[in-house]
Structure formats: structure tokens, C-alpha cells
Amino acid sequence: KQSEVNSETASLKTAISGLNTDKVELENQLKIAQGKTETDFSMESWTVLSTAKNKAQEVKDNGTATQEQINEAEKSLKTALADLSVDKTALG
């Protein structure tokens, strides 16, 4: 019985922590990322951005995400955006 109580307590704590989160900056970074066009950037930097964007979207859509998870996803996405490099192959 105690294990059930512990499990339920953990579930409630997770749910409560999700109630007091701020996703505004994460949403802003996602909008910026969604405005980028794959063909404008190198494959390598686009892959990093795409991965960070997908993870950020998952965190944004997760109703029980903690503020720490939100902040980490935002930081990763912001870094990936800053590290985008222009694809210069077409300039040849």
C-alpha cells in the first residue's frame, strides 16, 4: 500500500509542478525556428535545429513538463538557432 501512496504522491507532485510553468519564451523561440527555411542553411546546422525544435515542441505540448525541462528545451533551441550556418554551396 505504501508503494501505491508513494506513486500517487509522485504523480500529484508532477502534475502540480506543471501548473506553475512559464512557456512563453519557449513558444517565442519555436515561432522563430518555424520561420526558418531548411534550404537556406547547411545540412548539419539544420539537423541540429530540427532536433532541438522537435524536442521543444514535445516539451511545449507536455502538460506536465517541469520548468527545468522547459528552460532546457528553450536553451537548446536558442543555441541551435544561433548556430545556424548559411548554406554556401549555391554561391559557388
N, C-alpha and C. Protein backbone atom coordinates (compact mmCIF):
# COMPACT_ATOMS: atom_id res chain seq x y z
N LYS A 1 0.81 -1.21 0.00
CA LYS A 1 0.00 0.00 0.00
C LYS A 1 0.85 1.27 0.00
N GLN A 2 1.93 1.25 0.76
CA GLN A 2 2.78 2.45 0.82
C GLN A 2 3.36 2.77 -0.55
N SER A 3 3.70 1.74 -1.31
CA SER A 3 4.25 1.99 -2.65
C SER A 3 3.21 2.67 -3.54
N GLU A 4 1.94 2.32 -3.38
CA GLU A 4 0.88 2.97 -4.14
C GLU A 4 0.74 4.44 -3.74
N VAL A 5 0.82 4.69 -2.43
CA VAL A 5 0.74 6.06 -1.93
C VAL A 5 1.91 6.88 -2.47
N ASN A 6 3.11 6.30 -2.43
CA ASN A 6 4.30 6.99 -2.94
C ASN A 6 4.15 7.30 -4.42
N SER A 7 3.64 6.34 -5.17
CA SER A 7 3.46 6.53 -6.61
C SER A 7 2.45 7.64 -6.89
N GLU A 8 1.34 7.62 -6.18
CA GLU A 8 0.31 8.65 -6.36
C GLU A 8 0.84 10.03 -5.94
N THR A 9 1.61 10.06 -4.86
CA THR A 9 2.19 11.32 -4.40
C THR A 9 3.12 11.89 -5.47
N ALA A 10 3.94 11.03 -6.05
CA ALA A 10 4.86 11.48 -7.10
C ALA A 10 4.08 12.00 -8.31
N SER A 11 3.01 11.32 -8.67
CA SER A 11 2.18 11.75 -9.80
C SER A 11 1.55 13.11 -9.53
N LEU A 12 1.07 13.30 -8.31
CA LEU A 12 0.47 14.60 -7.95
C LEU A 12 1.50 15.71 -7.97
N LYS A 13 2.70 15.44 -7.46
CA LYS A 13 3.75 16.45 -7.46
C LYS A 13 4.11 16.85 -8.88
N THR A 14 4.18 15.87 -9.77
CA THR A 14 4.49 16.15 -11.17
C THR A 14 3.39 17.01 -11.79
N ALA A 15 2.15 16.66 -11.52
CA ALA A 15 1.03 17.41 -12.08
C ALA A 15 1.01 18.84 -11.54
N ILE A 16 1.26 19.00 -10.26
CA ILE A 16 1.27 20.33 -9.65
C ILE A 16 2.40 21.18 -10.22
N SER A 17 3.57 20.58 -10.40
CA SER A 17 4.69 21.35 -10.94
C SER A 17 4.40 21.85 -12.34
N GLY A 18 3.60 21.10 -13.09
CA GLY A 18 3.23 21.50 -14.44
C GLY A 18 2.27 22.67 -14.47
N LEU A 19 1.60 22.93 -13.36
CA LEU A 19 0.63 24.02 -13.31
C LEU A 19 1.30 25.38 -13.23
N ASN A 20 2.49 25.43 -12.71
CA ASN A 20 3.16 26.71 -12.46
C ASN A 20 4.34 26.93 -13.39
N THR A 21 4.18 26.61 -14.64
CA THR A 21 5.30 26.75 -15.58
C THR A 21 5.06 27.91 -16.53
N ASP A 22 6.15 28.42 -17.06
CA ASP A 22 6.10 29.54 -18.00
C ASP A 22 6.73 29.09 -19.31
N LYS A 23 5.89 28.98 -20.34
CA LYS A 23 6.36 28.50 -21.64
C LYS A 23 6.43 29.61 -22.68
N VAL A 24 6.24 30.86 -22.27
CA VAL A 24 6.17 31.98 -23.21
C VAL A 24 7.44 32.09 -24.06
N GLU A 25 8.59 32.08 -23.42
CA GLU A 25 9.85 32.23 -24.18
C GLU A 25 10.10 31.02 -25.07
N LEU A 26 9.75 29.84 -24.59
CA LEU A 26 9.88 28.63 -25.41
C LEU A 26 9.00 28.76 -26.65
N GLU A 27 7.79 29.23 -26.47
CA GLU A 27 6.88 29.43 -27.60
C GLU A 27 7.44 30.46 -28.58
N ASN A 28 8.04 31.53 -28.07
CA ASN A 28 8.65 32.54 -28.93
C ASN A 28 9.79 31.96 -29.76
N GLN A 29 10.63 31.17 -29.12
CA GLN A 29 11.75 30.54 -29.84
C GLN A 29 11.24 29.56 -30.89
N LEU A 30 10.17 28.84 -30.57
CA LEU A 30 9.58 27.92 -31.55
C LEU A 30 9.07 28.67 -32.77
N LYS A 31 8.44 29.82 -32.56
CA LYS A 31 7.95 30.63 -33.68
C LYS A 31 9.10 31.08 -34.58
N ILE A 32 10.19 31.48 -33.96
CA ILE A 32 11.37 31.89 -34.74
C ILE A 32 11.89 30.71 -35.54
N ALA A 33 12.01 29.56 -34.89
CA ALA A 33 12.54 28.37 -35.57
C ALA A 33 11.63 27.94 -36.71
N GLN A 34 10.33 28.02 -36.51
CA GLN A 34 9.38 27.62 -37.54
C GLN A 34 9.41 28.57 -38.74
N GLY A 35 9.94 29.76 -38.55
CA GLY A 35 10.04 30.73 -39.63
C GLY A 35 11.28 30.53 -40.50
N LYS A 36 12.14 29.62 -40.11
CA LYS A 36 13.37 29.36 -40.87
C LYS A 36 13.10 28.36 -41.99
N THR A 37 13.85 28.48 -43.08
CA THR A 37 13.69 27.60 -44.23
C THR A 37 14.91 26.69 -44.36
N GLU A 38 14.66 25.41 -44.43
CA GLU A 38 15.73 24.41 -44.45
C GLU A 38 16.77 24.66 -45.53
N THR A 39 16.33 25.03 -46.72
CA THR A 39 17.26 25.16 -47.85
C THR A 39 18.21 26.34 -47.71
N ASP A 40 17.97 27.23 -46.75
CA ASP A 40 18.84 28.38 -46.55
C ASP A 40 20.07 28.06 -45.71
N PHE A 41 20.08 26.89 -45.07
CA PHE A 41 21.12 26.60 -44.09
C PHE A 41 21.83 25.28 -44.40
N SER A 42 23.02 25.14 -43.83
CA SER A 42 23.77 23.90 -44.03
C SER A 42 23.00 22.73 -43.44
N MET A 43 23.21 21.56 -44.02
CA MET A 43 22.52 20.36 -43.57
C MET A 43 22.81 20.07 -42.10
N GLU A 44 24.07 20.23 -41.73
CA GLU A 44 24.48 19.92 -40.36
C GLU A 44 23.78 20.83 -39.34
N SER A 45 23.81 22.14 -39.60
CA SER A 45 23.19 23.06 -38.64
C SER A 45 21.67 22.92 -38.65
N TRP A 46 21.10 22.59 -39.82
CA TRP A 46 19.65 22.40 -39.88
C TRP A 46 19.23 21.16 -39.09
N THR A 47 20.02 20.11 -39.15
CA THR A 47 19.71 18.89 -38.41
C THR A 47 19.69 19.16 -36.91
N VAL A 48 20.65 19.93 -36.43
CA VAL A 48 20.70 20.29 -35.01
C VAL A 48 19.45 21.11 -34.65
N LEU A 49 19.10 22.07 -35.49
CA LEU A 49 17.92 22.89 -35.24
C LEU A 49 16.66 22.03 -35.25
N SER A 50 16.55 21.16 -36.21
CA SER A 50 15.37 20.31 -36.33
C SER A 50 15.18 19.44 -35.09
N THR A 51 16.26 18.87 -34.60
CA THR A 51 16.19 18.05 -33.39
C THR A 51 15.76 18.89 -32.19
N ALA A 52 16.37 20.06 -32.05
CA ALA A 52 16.03 20.94 -30.92
C ALA A 52 14.59 21.42 -31.02
N LYS A 53 14.15 21.70 -32.25
CA LYS A 53 12.78 22.18 -32.46
C LYS A 53 11.77 21.09 -32.11
N ASN A 54 12.05 19.86 -32.52
CA ASN A 54 11.15 18.75 -32.21
C ASN A 54 11.05 18.53 -30.70
N LYS A 55 12.19 18.57 -30.03
CA LYS A 55 12.21 18.39 -28.58
C LYS A 55 11.45 19.53 -27.89
N ALA A 56 11.66 20.76 -28.35
CA ALA A 56 10.98 21.91 -27.78
C ALA A 56 9.46 21.79 -27.96
N GLN A 57 9.05 21.32 -29.11
CA GLN A 57 7.62 21.14 -29.37
C GLN A 57 7.03 20.09 -28.43
N GLU A 58 7.77 19.00 -28.22
CA GLU A 58 7.31 17.96 -27.29
C GLU A 58 7.14 18.53 -25.89
N VAL A 59 8.12 19.30 -25.44
CA VAL A 59 8.06 19.90 -24.10
C VAL A 59 6.90 20.88 -24.02
N LYS A 60 6.72 21.70 -25.05
CA LYS A 60 5.62 22.67 -25.07
C LYS A 60 4.28 21.96 -24.97
N ASP A 61 4.14 20.85 -25.67
CA ASP A 61 2.87 20.11 -25.69
C ASP A 61 2.65 19.25 -24.45
N ASN A 62 3.70 19.08 -23.65
CA ASN A 62 3.62 18.24 -22.45
C ASN A 62 3.03 19.05 -21.30
N GLY A 63 1.83 18.72 -20.91
CA GLY A 63 1.16 19.44 -19.83
C GLY A 63 1.79 19.26 -18.46
N THR A 64 2.67 18.27 -18.33
CA THR A 64 3.32 18.04 -17.03
C THR A 64 4.81 18.35 -17.07
N ALA A 65 5.25 19.06 -18.10
CA ALA A 65 6.67 19.42 -18.19
C ALA A 65 7.04 20.35 -17.03
N THR A 66 8.21 20.11 -16.47
CA THR A 66 8.68 20.96 -15.38
C THR A 66 9.31 22.22 -15.96
N GLN A 67 9.47 23.23 -15.12
CA GLN A 67 10.11 24.46 -15.58
C GLN A 67 11.54 24.18 -16.01
N GLU A 68 12.19 23.24 -15.34
CA GLU A 68 13.56 22.87 -15.72
C GLU A 68 13.60 22.29 -17.14
N GLN A 69 12.65 21.42 -17.46
CA GLN A 69 12.58 20.85 -18.81
C GLN A 69 12.29 21.93 -19.84
N ILE A 70 11.41 22.84 -19.50
CA ILE A 70 11.06 23.95 -20.40
C ILE A 70 12.29 24.82 -20.65
N ASN A 71 12.99 25.17 -19.59
CA ASN A 71 14.18 26.01 -19.72
C ASN A 71 15.26 25.33 -20.55
N GLU A 72 15.45 24.03 -20.35
CA GLU A 72 16.47 23.29 -21.09
C GLU A 72 16.12 23.24 -22.58
N ALA A 73 14.85 22.98 -22.89
CA ALA A 73 14.41 22.94 -24.29
C ALA A 73 14.58 24.30 -24.95
N GLU A 74 14.24 25.35 -24.21
CA GLU A 74 14.39 26.72 -24.72
C GLU A 74 15.86 27.03 -24.99
N LYS A 75 16.72 26.67 -24.06
CA LYS A 75 18.16 26.93 -24.21
C LYS A 75 18.73 26.19 -25.42
N SER A 76 18.36 24.92 -25.57
CA SER A 76 18.84 24.13 -26.71
C SER A 76 18.37 24.71 -28.03
N LEU A 77 17.13 25.14 -28.07
CA LEU A 77 16.58 25.71 -29.30
C LEU A 77 17.25 27.05 -29.61
N LYS A 78 17.44 27.87 -28.60
CA LYS A 78 18.09 29.17 -28.79
C LYS A 78 19.52 28.98 -29.31
N THR A 79 20.22 28.01 -28.75
CA THR A 79 21.59 27.72 -29.19
C THR A 79 21.61 27.23 -30.63
N ALA A 80 20.69 26.33 -30.96
CA ALA A 80 20.61 25.81 -32.33
C ALA A 80 20.31 26.93 -33.33
N LEU A 81 19.45 27.84 -32.95
CA LEU A 81 19.14 28.98 -33.83
C LEU A 81 20.37 29.87 -34.02
N ALA A 82 21.08 30.12 -32.94
CA ALA A 82 22.28 30.97 -33.02
C ALA A 82 23.38 30.31 -33.84
N ASP A 83 23.41 28.99 -33.83
CA ASP A 83 24.47 28.26 -34.53
C ASP A 83 24.12 27.90 -35.97
N LEU A 84 22.96 28.31 -36.46
CA LEU A 84 22.62 28.03 -37.86
C LEU A 84 23.66 28.66 -38.77
N SER A 85 24.11 27.91 -39.74
CA SER A 85 25.07 28.47 -40.69
C SER A 85 24.46 28.40 -42.09
N VAL A 86 24.70 29.45 -42.84
CA VAL A 86 24.15 29.58 -44.19
C VAL A 86 24.79 28.55 -45.11
N ASP A 87 23.96 27.96 -45.96
CA ASP A 87 24.45 27.01 -46.96
C ASP A 87 25.06 27.81 -48.10
N LYS A 88 26.37 27.72 -48.25
CA LYS A 88 27.09 28.50 -49.26
C LYS A 88 27.35 27.72 -50.54
N THR A 89 26.86 26.48 -50.64
CA THR A 89 27.12 25.67 -51.83
C THR A 89 26.50 26.28 -53.08
N ALA A 90 25.38 26.95 -52.94
CA ALA A 90 24.72 27.55 -54.11
C ALA A 90 25.45 28.79 -54.60
N LEU A 91 26.33 29.34 -53.76
CA LEU A 91 27.05 30.55 -54.14
C LEU A 91 28.19 30.26 -55.10
N GLY A 92 28.71 29.01 -55.02
CA GLY A 92 29.80 28.51 -55.83
C GLY A 92 30.45 29.47 -56.67
